[in-house]
Amino acid sequence: MLSSYGSVEGNTLGPNPFNSNDYRGLSDFDIPQRLVVSGIWQLPVLKGRDVFIRNILGGWQSNFIYTAQSGTPITILSGVDNALMGVGGNFADLTGINWKLQDNRPKSDQIAHAFNTAGFKVNAIGTGCRNQLRSPGLWNIDYSAFKEFGPY
């Protein structure tokens, strides 16, 4: 069986090689929202101007790429081999407690705790699903500036 689970984590068996239904869920590569914006701004080379002004102010180019996307799905493992297969922990079950934490927490707390662990429990045999949560989204800006030197 080929799945996104086996190709990302490098474990083609997964937590339960005997029950392929455990692998039903979002793909590891699922990113429902992604925005990429890029642009170039080029200043004129200022031909016909004084050589000092032309060499200092002319011939500049500025580029940017902005990327924003939602997070990828993540799987919570129980850490207990309830199916007694000897291949590691099984997927955790949801408890019904809200696993989301408040967004207005201090940054250090957000880094230390991405979700409420009380929202999960050790799975019952034959239960659990993969990719129950979504990791935080990300954004990135790449910027560059170039100066062309040469005869204008």
N, C-alpha and C. Protein backbone atom coordinates (compact mmCIF):
# COMPACT_ATOMS: atom_id res chain seq x y z
N MET A 1 0.84 -1.18 0.00
CA MET A 1 0.00 0.00 0.00
C MET A 1 0.89 1.24 0.00
N LEU A 2 0.65 2.14 -0.91
CA LEU A 2 1.40 3.39 -0.99
C LEU A 2 0.54 4.50 -0.39
N SER A 3 1.09 5.25 0.53
CA SER A 3 0.33 6.33 1.15
C SER A 3 1.26 7.48 1.47
N SER A 4 0.69 8.64 1.73
CA SER A 4 1.51 9.77 2.11
C SER A 4 2.12 9.55 3.48
N TYR A 5 1.50 8.73 4.32
CA TYR A 5 2.04 8.46 5.65
C TYR A 5 3.40 7.77 5.53
N GLY A 6 3.48 6.73 4.74
CA GLY A 6 4.73 5.98 4.61
C GLY A 6 5.81 6.76 3.92
N SER A 7 5.45 7.65 3.00
CA SER A 7 6.48 8.35 2.25
C SER A 7 7.07 9.52 3.01
N VAL A 8 6.35 10.11 3.97
CA VAL A 8 6.88 11.25 4.71
C VAL A 8 7.71 10.81 5.90
N GLU A 9 7.16 9.94 6.72
CA GLU A 9 7.87 9.51 7.91
C GLU A 9 8.91 8.44 7.63
N GLY A 10 8.91 7.86 6.43
CA GLY A 10 9.89 6.86 6.08
C GLY A 10 9.56 5.49 6.65
N ASN A 11 8.36 5.31 7.18
CA ASN A 11 7.94 4.03 7.75
C ASN A 11 6.79 3.51 6.90
N THR A 12 7.07 2.59 5.99
CA THR A 12 6.03 2.15 5.08
C THR A 12 4.98 1.29 5.76
N LEU A 13 5.27 0.75 6.95
CA LEU A 13 4.28 -0.05 7.66
C LEU A 13 3.30 0.81 8.44
N GLY A 14 3.77 1.88 9.06
CA GLY A 14 2.90 2.71 9.88
C GLY A 14 2.63 2.04 11.21
N PRO A 15 1.76 2.63 12.05
CA PRO A 15 1.50 2.08 13.36
C PRO A 15 0.76 0.74 13.34
N ASN A 16 -0.03 0.46 12.32
CA ASN A 16 -0.78 -0.79 12.29
C ASN A 16 -0.75 -1.38 10.88
N PRO A 17 0.20 -2.24 10.57
CA PRO A 17 0.28 -2.78 9.22
C PRO A 17 -0.82 -3.78 8.91
N PHE A 18 -1.61 -4.18 9.90
CA PHE A 18 -2.64 -5.18 9.71
C PHE A 18 -4.02 -4.59 9.47
N ASN A 19 -4.15 -3.26 9.58
CA ASN A 19 -5.46 -2.62 9.40
C ASN A 19 -5.28 -1.36 8.57
N SER A 20 -5.53 -1.45 7.28
CA SER A 20 -5.34 -0.29 6.39
C SER A 20 -6.37 0.80 6.64
N ASN A 21 -7.49 0.50 7.32
CA ASN A 21 -8.49 1.54 7.61
C ASN A 21 -7.95 2.60 8.56
N ASP A 22 -6.91 2.25 9.35
CA ASP A 22 -6.31 3.23 10.25
C ASP A 22 -5.66 4.38 9.49
N TYR A 23 -5.37 4.19 8.23
CA TYR A 23 -4.66 5.21 7.45
C TYR A 23 -5.59 6.18 6.75
N ARG A 24 -6.88 6.03 6.93
CA ARG A 24 -7.81 6.96 6.30
C ARG A 24 -7.72 8.31 7.01
N GLY A 25 -7.62 9.34 6.22
CA GLY A 25 -7.51 10.68 6.78
C GLY A 25 -6.93 11.61 5.72
N LEU A 26 -6.68 12.83 6.13
CA LEU A 26 -6.10 13.80 5.20
C LEU A 26 -4.71 13.37 4.78
N SER A 27 -4.33 13.73 3.59
CA SER A 27 -2.97 13.47 3.12
C SER A 27 -1.99 14.31 3.93
N ASP A 28 -0.78 13.81 4.12
CA ASP A 28 0.25 14.58 4.82
C ASP A 28 0.59 15.86 4.07
N PHE A 29 0.28 15.91 2.79
CA PHE A 29 0.62 17.06 1.95
C PHE A 29 -0.54 18.03 1.76
N ASP A 30 -1.65 17.84 2.48
CA ASP A 30 -2.84 18.67 2.33
C ASP A 30 -2.58 20.08 2.85
N ILE A 31 -2.62 21.06 1.97
CA ILE A 31 -2.50 22.48 2.33
C ILE A 31 -3.66 23.18 1.64
N PRO A 32 -4.78 23.40 2.34
CA PRO A 32 -5.98 23.93 1.69
C PRO A 32 -5.86 25.39 1.24
N GLN A 33 -5.06 26.20 1.91
CA GLN A 33 -4.89 27.59 1.50
C GLN A 33 -3.40 27.90 1.34
N ARG A 34 -3.06 28.48 0.20
CA ARG A 34 -1.67 28.90 -0.04
C ARG A 34 -1.71 30.12 -0.95
N LEU A 35 -0.99 31.14 -0.55
CA LEU A 35 -0.91 32.38 -1.32
C LEU A 35 0.56 32.69 -1.56
N VAL A 36 0.91 32.92 -2.82
CA VAL A 36 2.28 33.32 -3.17
C VAL A 36 2.16 34.56 -4.05
N VAL A 37 2.81 35.65 -3.62
CA VAL A 37 2.81 36.91 -4.36
C VAL A 37 4.26 37.31 -4.57
N SER A 38 4.58 37.71 -5.79
CA SER A 38 5.95 38.16 -6.05
C SER A 38 5.90 39.45 -6.86
N GLY A 39 6.98 40.19 -6.78
CA GLY A 39 7.04 41.44 -7.52
C GLY A 39 8.46 41.92 -7.74
N ILE A 40 8.60 42.78 -8.74
CA ILE A 40 9.89 43.40 -9.07
C ILE A 40 9.65 44.88 -9.23
N TRP A 41 10.53 45.67 -8.66
CA TRP A 41 10.49 47.12 -8.83
C TRP A 41 11.87 47.53 -9.31
N GLN A 42 11.91 48.13 -10.48
CA GLN A 42 13.19 48.52 -11.06
C GLN A 42 13.23 50.03 -11.27
N LEU A 43 14.26 50.64 -10.68
CA LEU A 43 14.45 52.08 -10.87
C LEU A 43 15.11 52.33 -12.21
N PRO A 44 14.84 53.47 -12.82
CA PRO A 44 15.48 53.77 -14.11
C PRO A 44 17.00 53.91 -13.95
N VAL A 45 17.73 53.71 -15.05
CA VAL A 45 19.20 53.80 -14.99
C VAL A 45 19.67 55.25 -15.03
N LEU A 46 18.79 56.19 -15.30
CA LEU A 46 19.08 57.63 -15.27
C LEU A 46 20.13 58.03 -16.31
N LYS A 47 19.97 57.54 -17.52
CA LYS A 47 20.87 57.94 -18.61
C LYS A 47 20.77 59.45 -18.82
N GLY A 48 21.87 60.04 -19.13
CA GLY A 48 21.90 61.47 -19.37
C GLY A 48 22.06 62.31 -18.11
N ARG A 49 22.06 61.69 -16.95
CA ARG A 49 22.27 62.42 -15.69
C ARG A 49 23.75 62.46 -15.35
N ASP A 50 24.07 63.23 -14.34
CA ASP A 50 25.43 63.32 -13.84
C ASP A 50 25.94 61.92 -13.47
N VAL A 51 27.22 61.63 -13.73
CA VAL A 51 27.78 60.30 -13.49
C VAL A 51 27.64 59.90 -12.02
N PHE A 52 27.76 60.83 -11.09
CA PHE A 52 27.63 60.53 -9.67
C PHE A 52 26.19 60.08 -9.35
N ILE A 53 25.21 60.84 -9.80
CA ILE A 53 23.80 60.51 -9.56
C ILE A 53 23.45 59.20 -10.25
N ARG A 54 23.94 59.01 -11.48
CA ARG A 54 23.66 57.80 -12.24
C ARG A 54 24.21 56.55 -11.51
N ASN A 55 25.42 56.65 -10.96
CA ASN A 55 26.04 55.49 -10.31
C ASN A 55 25.49 55.23 -8.91
N ILE A 56 25.00 56.24 -8.22
CA ILE A 56 24.46 56.04 -6.87
C ILE A 56 22.97 55.70 -6.90
N LEU A 57 22.18 56.43 -7.64
CA LEU A 57 20.72 56.27 -7.61
C LEU A 57 20.17 55.41 -8.74
N GLY A 58 20.86 55.28 -9.82
CA GLY A 58 20.31 54.56 -10.98
C GLY A 58 20.66 53.08 -11.00
N GLY A 59 19.85 52.31 -11.70
CA GLY A 59 20.14 50.90 -11.93
C GLY A 59 19.81 49.95 -10.79
N TRP A 60 18.94 50.35 -9.87
CA TRP A 60 18.57 49.48 -8.75
C TRP A 60 17.36 48.63 -9.12
N GLN A 61 17.34 47.42 -8.59
CA GLN A 61 16.20 46.53 -8.76
C GLN A 61 15.88 45.89 -7.42
N SER A 62 14.62 45.85 -7.06
CA SER A 62 14.17 45.27 -5.80
C SER A 62 13.17 44.16 -6.11
N ASN A 63 13.35 42.98 -5.49
CA ASN A 63 12.47 41.82 -5.73
C ASN A 63 11.94 41.30 -4.40
N PHE A 64 10.73 40.75 -4.42
CA PHE A 64 10.20 40.11 -3.22
C PHE A 64 9.33 38.92 -3.60
N ILE A 65 9.26 37.95 -2.69
CA ILE A 65 8.34 36.82 -2.80
C ILE A 65 7.72 36.65 -1.41
N TYR A 66 6.40 36.73 -1.35
CA TYR A 66 5.67 36.56 -0.09
C TYR A 66 4.87 35.25 -0.19
N THR A 67 5.00 34.39 0.81
CA THR A 67 4.28 33.13 0.84
C THR A 67 3.55 33.01 2.17
N ALA A 68 2.27 32.66 2.13
CA ALA A 68 1.48 32.38 3.33
C ALA A 68 0.68 31.12 3.06
N GLN A 69 0.63 30.23 4.06
CA GLN A 69 -0.14 29.00 3.86
C GLN A 69 -0.64 28.47 5.19
N SER A 70 -1.72 27.68 5.09
CA SER A 70 -2.22 27.00 6.28
C SER A 70 -1.29 25.84 6.60
N GLY A 71 -1.42 25.30 7.80
CA GLY A 71 -0.53 24.23 8.24
C GLY A 71 -0.87 22.88 7.62
N THR A 72 0.07 21.96 7.75
CA THR A 72 -0.13 20.60 7.26
C THR A 72 -0.74 19.74 8.36
N PRO A 73 -1.42 18.67 8.00
CA PRO A 73 -1.99 17.78 9.01
C PRO A 73 -0.89 17.08 9.82
N ILE A 74 -1.18 16.85 11.11
CA ILE A 74 -0.24 16.11 11.95
C ILE A 74 -1.02 15.01 12.70
N THR A 75 -0.31 13.94 13.00
CA THR A 75 -0.91 12.79 13.66
C THR A 75 -0.43 12.73 15.10
N ILE A 76 -1.35 12.46 16.01
CA ILE A 76 -1.01 12.28 17.42
C ILE A 76 -1.02 10.78 17.69
N LEU A 77 0.11 10.28 18.19
CA LEU A 77 0.22 8.86 18.53
C LEU A 77 0.00 8.68 20.02
N SER A 78 -0.59 7.56 20.40
CA SER A 78 -0.86 7.29 21.81
C SER A 78 0.40 6.87 22.56
N GLY A 79 1.37 6.31 21.85
CA GLY A 79 2.58 5.82 22.51
C GLY A 79 2.42 4.46 23.15
N VAL A 80 1.25 3.87 22.98
CA VAL A 80 0.97 2.56 23.56
C VAL A 80 0.55 1.62 22.43
N ASP A 81 1.10 0.43 22.43
CA ASP A 81 0.76 -0.57 21.41
C ASP A 81 -0.43 -1.39 21.89
N ASN A 82 -1.62 -0.80 21.84
CA ASN A 82 -2.83 -1.48 22.30
C ASN A 82 -3.23 -2.65 21.43
N ALA A 83 -2.82 -2.66 20.18
CA ALA A 83 -3.16 -3.76 19.29
C ALA A 83 -2.20 -4.94 19.46
N LEU A 84 -1.17 -4.75 20.31
CA LEU A 84 -0.20 -5.80 20.62
C LEU A 84 0.47 -6.35 19.36
N MET A 85 0.85 -5.43 18.46
CA MET A 85 1.49 -5.82 17.21
C MET A 85 3.00 -5.73 17.28
N GLY A 86 3.52 -5.02 18.27
CA GLY A 86 4.96 -4.88 18.39
C GLY A 86 5.59 -3.93 17.40
N VAL A 87 4.79 -3.03 16.80
CA VAL A 87 5.34 -2.08 15.83
C VAL A 87 5.23 -0.63 16.29
N GLY A 88 5.01 -0.39 17.56
CA GLY A 88 4.97 0.98 18.06
C GLY A 88 3.59 1.39 18.52
N GLY A 89 3.47 2.67 18.88
CA GLY A 89 2.21 3.19 19.40
C GLY A 89 1.18 3.35 18.31
N ASN A 90 -0.08 3.30 18.70
CA ASN A 90 -1.19 3.47 17.78
C ASN A 90 -1.65 4.92 17.77
N PHE A 91 -2.50 5.26 16.81
CA PHE A 91 -3.06 6.60 16.74
C PHE A 91 -3.90 6.87 17.98
N ALA A 92 -3.78 8.06 18.55
CA ALA A 92 -4.54 8.42 19.76
C ALA A 92 -6.01 8.67 19.43
N ASP A 93 -6.86 8.50 20.42
CA ASP A 93 -8.30 8.80 20.29
C ASP A 93 -8.58 10.18 20.87
N LEU A 94 -9.60 10.83 20.35
CA LEU A 94 -10.05 12.11 20.90
C LEU A 94 -10.89 11.84 22.15
N THR A 95 -10.77 12.70 23.15
CA THR A 95 -11.52 12.53 24.39
C THR A 95 -12.83 13.32 24.40
N GLY A 96 -12.97 14.27 23.52
CA GLY A 96 -14.13 15.15 23.54
C GLY A 96 -13.81 16.49 24.17
N ILE A 97 -12.67 16.58 24.87
CA ILE A 97 -12.21 17.85 25.42
C ILE A 97 -11.59 18.64 24.28
N ASN A 98 -11.83 19.93 24.26
CA ASN A 98 -11.28 20.78 23.20
C ASN A 98 -9.75 20.74 23.24
N TRP A 99 -9.14 20.32 22.16
CA TRP A 99 -7.68 20.23 22.10
C TRP A 99 -7.04 21.57 21.75
N LYS A 100 -7.86 22.54 21.31
CA LYS A 100 -7.30 23.85 20.92
C LYS A 100 -7.03 24.69 22.17
N LEU A 101 -5.96 25.42 22.14
CA LEU A 101 -5.61 26.35 23.21
C LEU A 101 -5.86 27.78 22.73
N GLN A 102 -5.99 28.71 23.67
CA GLN A 102 -6.27 30.10 23.32
C GLN A 102 -5.10 30.70 22.53
N ASP A 103 -5.43 31.54 21.57
CA ASP A 103 -4.40 32.19 20.74
C ASP A 103 -3.70 33.33 21.46
N ASN A 104 -4.32 33.90 22.51
CA ASN A 104 -3.75 35.08 23.17
C ASN A 104 -2.80 34.71 24.31
N ARG A 105 -2.24 33.50 24.27
CA ARG A 105 -1.26 33.08 25.29
C ARG A 105 0.09 33.72 25.00
N PRO A 106 0.97 33.77 25.99
CA PRO A 106 2.33 34.28 25.74
C PRO A 106 3.04 33.41 24.70
N LYS A 107 3.95 34.00 23.95
CA LYS A 107 4.65 33.30 22.88
C LYS A 107 5.40 32.07 23.40
N SER A 108 6.01 32.17 24.58
CA SER A 108 6.74 31.02 25.13
C SER A 108 5.79 29.85 25.40
N ASP A 109 4.57 30.14 25.85
CA ASP A 109 3.59 29.08 26.09
C ASP A 109 3.11 28.49 24.78
N GLN A 110 2.96 29.31 23.75
CA GLN A 110 2.56 28.81 22.44
C GLN A 110 3.60 27.87 21.86
N ILE A 111 4.87 28.17 22.08
CA ILE A 111 5.95 27.31 21.59
C ILE A 111 5.99 26.00 22.38
N ALA A 112 5.81 26.10 23.70
CA ALA A 112 5.90 24.90 24.55
C ALA A 112 4.69 23.98 24.38
N HIS A 113 3.50 24.53 24.12
CA HIS A 113 2.28 23.74 24.04
C HIS A 113 1.48 24.16 22.81
N ALA A 114 1.51 23.34 21.77
CA ALA A 114 0.77 23.66 20.55
C ALA A 114 -0.69 23.27 20.66
N PHE A 115 -1.00 22.28 21.53
CA PHE A 115 -2.38 21.85 21.70
C PHE A 115 -2.56 21.29 23.11
N ASN A 116 -3.82 21.13 23.51
CA ASN A 116 -4.17 20.62 24.83
C ASN A 116 -4.08 19.10 24.81
N THR A 117 -3.11 18.53 25.53
CA THR A 117 -2.92 17.08 25.53
C THR A 117 -4.09 16.34 26.18
N ALA A 118 -4.88 17.02 27.00
CA ALA A 118 -6.05 16.39 27.62
C ALA A 118 -7.12 16.06 26.57
N GLY A 119 -7.00 16.59 25.38
CA GLY A 119 -7.94 16.29 24.30
C GLY A 119 -7.72 14.93 23.67
N PHE A 120 -6.68 14.20 24.13
CA PHE A 120 -6.36 12.89 23.54
C PHE A 120 -6.17 11.86 24.63
N LYS A 121 -6.44 10.62 24.28
CA LYS A 121 -6.25 9.52 25.23
C LYS A 121 -5.67 8.32 24.50
N VAL A 122 -5.18 7.38 25.27
CA VAL A 122 -4.67 6.14 24.69
C VAL A 122 -5.83 5.47 23.97
N ASN A 123 -5.57 5.02 22.78
CA ASN A 123 -6.64 4.48 21.95
C ASN A 123 -7.13 3.12 22.43
N ALA A 124 -8.41 2.90 22.18
CA ALA A 124 -8.96 1.56 22.37
C ALA A 124 -8.51 0.72 21.18
N ILE A 125 -8.45 -0.55 21.33
CA ILE A 125 -7.98 -1.42 20.25
C ILE A 125 -8.88 -1.26 19.04
N GLY A 126 -8.27 -1.03 17.90
CA GLY A 126 -9.01 -0.89 16.65
C GLY A 126 -9.58 0.48 16.38
N THR A 127 -9.21 1.49 17.17
CA THR A 127 -9.72 2.85 16.94
C THR A 127 -8.56 3.80 16.69
N GLY A 128 -8.92 5.02 16.36
CA GLY A 128 -7.93 6.06 16.11
C GLY A 128 -7.85 6.39 14.63
N CYS A 129 -7.40 7.58 14.35
CA CYS A 129 -7.22 7.97 12.95
C CYS A 129 -6.00 8.87 12.84
N ARG A 130 -5.47 8.95 11.65
CA ARG A 130 -4.28 9.75 11.43
C ARG A 130 -4.65 11.18 11.05
N ASN A 131 -3.71 12.08 11.24
CA ASN A 131 -3.84 13.49 10.84
C ASN A 131 -5.08 14.16 11.44
N GLN A 132 -5.22 14.03 12.77
CA GLN A 132 -6.36 14.62 13.47
C GLN A 132 -6.23 16.14 13.59
N LEU A 133 -5.01 16.66 13.65
CA LEU A 133 -4.79 18.10 13.87
C LEU A 133 -4.10 18.71 12.66
N ARG A 134 -4.06 20.02 12.67
CA ARG A 134 -3.34 20.76 11.63
C ARG A 134 -2.31 21.63 12.31
N SER A 135 -1.08 21.57 11.85
CA SER A 135 0.00 22.38 12.42
C SER A 135 -0.27 23.86 12.15
N PRO A 136 0.37 24.74 12.90
CA PRO A 136 0.18 26.17 12.63
C PRO A 136 0.63 26.52 11.21
N GLY A 137 -0.04 27.49 10.64
CA GLY A 137 0.34 27.95 9.31
C GLY A 137 1.67 28.70 9.36
N LEU A 138 2.11 29.12 8.20
CA LEU A 138 3.38 29.84 8.15
C LEU A 138 3.31 30.95 7.12
N TRP A 139 4.22 31.88 7.27
CA TRP A 139 4.39 32.92 6.26
C TRP A 139 5.87 33.22 6.15
N ASN A 140 6.26 33.69 4.98
CA ASN A 140 7.68 33.95 4.72
C ASN A 140 7.79 35.06 3.69
N ILE A 141 8.79 35.91 3.85
CA ILE A 141 9.10 36.95 2.87
C ILE A 141 10.56 36.81 2.47
N ASP A 142 10.79 36.70 1.19
CA ASP A 142 12.14 36.73 0.64
C ASP A 142 12.30 38.06 -0.09
N TYR A 143 13.39 38.75 0.17
CA TYR A 143 13.62 40.06 -0.41
C TYR A 143 15.04 40.14 -0.94
N SER A 144 15.21 40.81 -2.06
CA SER A 144 16.55 41.04 -2.59
C SER A 144 16.62 42.41 -3.26
N ALA A 145 17.81 42.97 -3.26
CA ALA A 145 18.06 44.25 -3.94
C ALA A 145 19.34 44.08 -4.75
N PHE A 146 19.30 44.57 -5.98
CA PHE A 146 20.44 44.47 -6.88
C PHE A 146 20.79 45.84 -7.43
N LYS A 147 22.04 46.04 -7.67
CA LYS A 147 22.52 47.28 -8.28
C LYS A 147 23.30 46.91 -9.52
N GLU A 148 22.91 47.47 -10.64
CA GLU A 148 23.62 47.22 -11.89
C GLU A 148 24.68 48.29 -12.07
N PHE A 149 25.92 47.86 -12.20
CA PHE A 149 27.02 48.77 -12.47
C PHE A 149 27.48 48.52 -13.91
N GLY A 150 27.63 49.53 -14.64
CA GLY A 150 28.08 49.33 -16.00
C GLY A 150 27.84 50.56 -16.84
N PRO A 151 28.25 50.49 -18.06
CA PRO A 151 28.02 51.65 -18.95
C PRO A 151 26.54 51.77 -19.30
N TYR A 152 26.02 52.95 -19.10
CA TYR A 152 24.61 53.21 -19.46
C TYR A 152 24.60 54.04 -20.70
